[in-house]
Protein backbone atom coordinates (compact mmCIF):
# COMPACT_ATOMS: atom_id res chain seq x y z
CA MET A 1 -51.37 10.16 4.79
CA SER A 2 -53.02 6.87 3.87
CA THR A 3 -54.57 6.30 0.46
CA ALA A 4 -58.11 6.38 1.81
CA GLU A 5 -57.42 9.63 3.65
CA SER A 6 -55.82 11.28 0.62
CA GLN A 7 -58.74 10.19 -1.59
CA LEU A 8 -61.19 11.61 0.93
CA GLU A 9 -59.24 14.86 0.98
CA GLU A 10 -59.23 15.06 -2.83
CA LEU A 11 -62.99 14.42 -2.94
CA PHE A 12 -63.59 17.11 -0.32
CA ILE A 13 -61.47 19.62 -2.26
CA ALA A 14 -63.34 18.76 -5.47
CA LYS A 15 -66.69 19.27 -3.73
CA LEU A 16 -65.61 22.66 -2.41
CA GLN A 17 -64.47 23.67 -5.89
CA GLU A 18 -67.91 22.71 -7.24
CA LEU A 19 -69.32 25.14 -4.68
CA LYS A 20 -67.11 27.88 -6.20
CA TYR A 21 -64.37 27.80 -3.56
CA GLN A 22 -60.93 28.43 -4.97
CA TYR A 23 -58.22 25.88 -4.21
CA ARG A 24 -55.00 27.57 -3.11
CA SER A 25 -52.13 25.13 -3.50
CA ASP A 26 -49.72 27.86 -2.37
CA ILE A 27 -51.16 27.96 1.15
CA ARG A 28 -49.50 25.05 2.93
CA ASP A 29 -48.72 26.37 6.40
CA ARG A 30 -49.86 28.89 8.98
CA ALA A 31 -47.42 31.57 7.79
CA ALA A 32 -48.81 31.41 4.23
CA LEU A 33 -52.37 31.44 5.57
CA GLU A 34 -51.71 34.52 7.70
CA ALA A 35 -49.94 36.29 4.82
CA ASN A 36 -52.95 35.65 2.57
CA PHE A 37 -55.35 36.82 5.29
CA ARG A 38 -53.32 39.98 5.82
CA GLU A 39 -53.31 40.77 2.10
CA LYS A 40 -57.09 40.27 1.83
CA PHE A 41 -57.80 42.14 5.10
CA GLU A 42 -55.76 45.17 4.05
CA ALA A 43 -57.37 45.26 0.60
CA LEU A 44 -60.92 44.93 1.99
CA ASN A 45 -60.40 47.61 4.63
CA ARG A 46 -58.12 49.84 2.52
CA VAL A 47 -55.46 49.99 5.22
CA ARG A 48 -51.83 48.99 5.76
CA LEU A 49 -51.05 47.51 9.15
CA THR A 50 -47.68 47.38 10.83
CA ASP A 51 -46.45 43.95 11.87
CA SER A 52 -47.29 44.63 15.51
CA GLU A 53 -50.78 45.87 14.60
CA PHE A 54 -51.39 42.74 12.56
CA GLU A 55 -50.24 40.49 15.41
CA ARG A 56 -52.57 42.27 17.85
CA LEU A 57 -55.41 42.01 15.34
CA LEU A 58 -54.92 38.25 15.06
CA GLU A 59 -54.83 37.91 18.85
CA GLY A 60 -58.13 39.76 19.02
CA ILE A 61 -60.03 37.81 16.37
CA VAL A 62 -58.75 34.24 16.68
CA THR A 63 -60.92 32.42 19.20
CA ALA A 64 -62.24 28.93 19.88
CA ASP A 65 -65.62 30.41 20.84
CA VAL A 66 -67.86 29.84 17.81
CA PHE A 67 -70.42 32.46 18.85
CA SER A 68 -67.79 35.14 19.39
CA ALA A 69 -66.16 34.29 16.06
CA ALA A 70 -69.51 34.49 14.24
CA ARG A 71 -70.24 37.88 15.80
CA THR A 72 -66.80 39.16 14.79
CA LEU A 73 -67.35 37.95 11.22
CA ARG A 74 -70.70 39.64 10.68
CA GLU A 75 -70.19 42.94 12.49
CA ILE A 76 -68.12 46.04 11.93
CA ASN A 77 -65.39 45.89 14.54
CA SER A 78 -63.15 48.56 16.02
CA TYR A 79 -59.46 48.46 16.72
CA THR A 80 -56.95 50.96 18.08
CA ARG A 81 -53.83 51.28 15.97
CA ASP A 82 -50.32 51.71 17.36
CA ASP A 83 -50.51 55.48 16.92
CA GLY A 84 -53.78 55.64 18.88
CA THR A 85 -56.07 56.21 15.91
CA PRO A 86 -59.21 54.09 15.65
CA LEU A 87 -59.81 51.66 12.83
CA ASN A 88 -63.27 50.33 12.06
CA TYR A 89 -62.95 47.14 10.04
CA THR A 90 -64.87 44.21 8.69
CA LEU A 91 -63.68 40.67 8.02
CA VAL A 92 -66.26 39.82 5.36
CA ASN A 93 -67.49 41.91 2.47
CA ILE A 94 -71.22 41.62 3.04
CA LYS A 95 -72.06 44.08 0.25
CA ASP A 96 -70.70 41.90 -2.58
């Protein structure tokens, strides 16, 4: 990374922190990002997913379509677990 690019990145991170975003230096790759997402998802929805359920969940919510992603973020979504039981979930806590 060039000096100008690293300075721009540092300024961007500082601006996000001013806006109350939390910098997570421990999230450096996709695996760490997915582990963090899984932890937050399970806590928000009070559920424990199996590895295969989590993989299917990711396949269902990750999309390049901005409109579809926005709809998924703001709505209560449904999902069928491995044992056939339904799970209604949300990706964002809109109450708090």
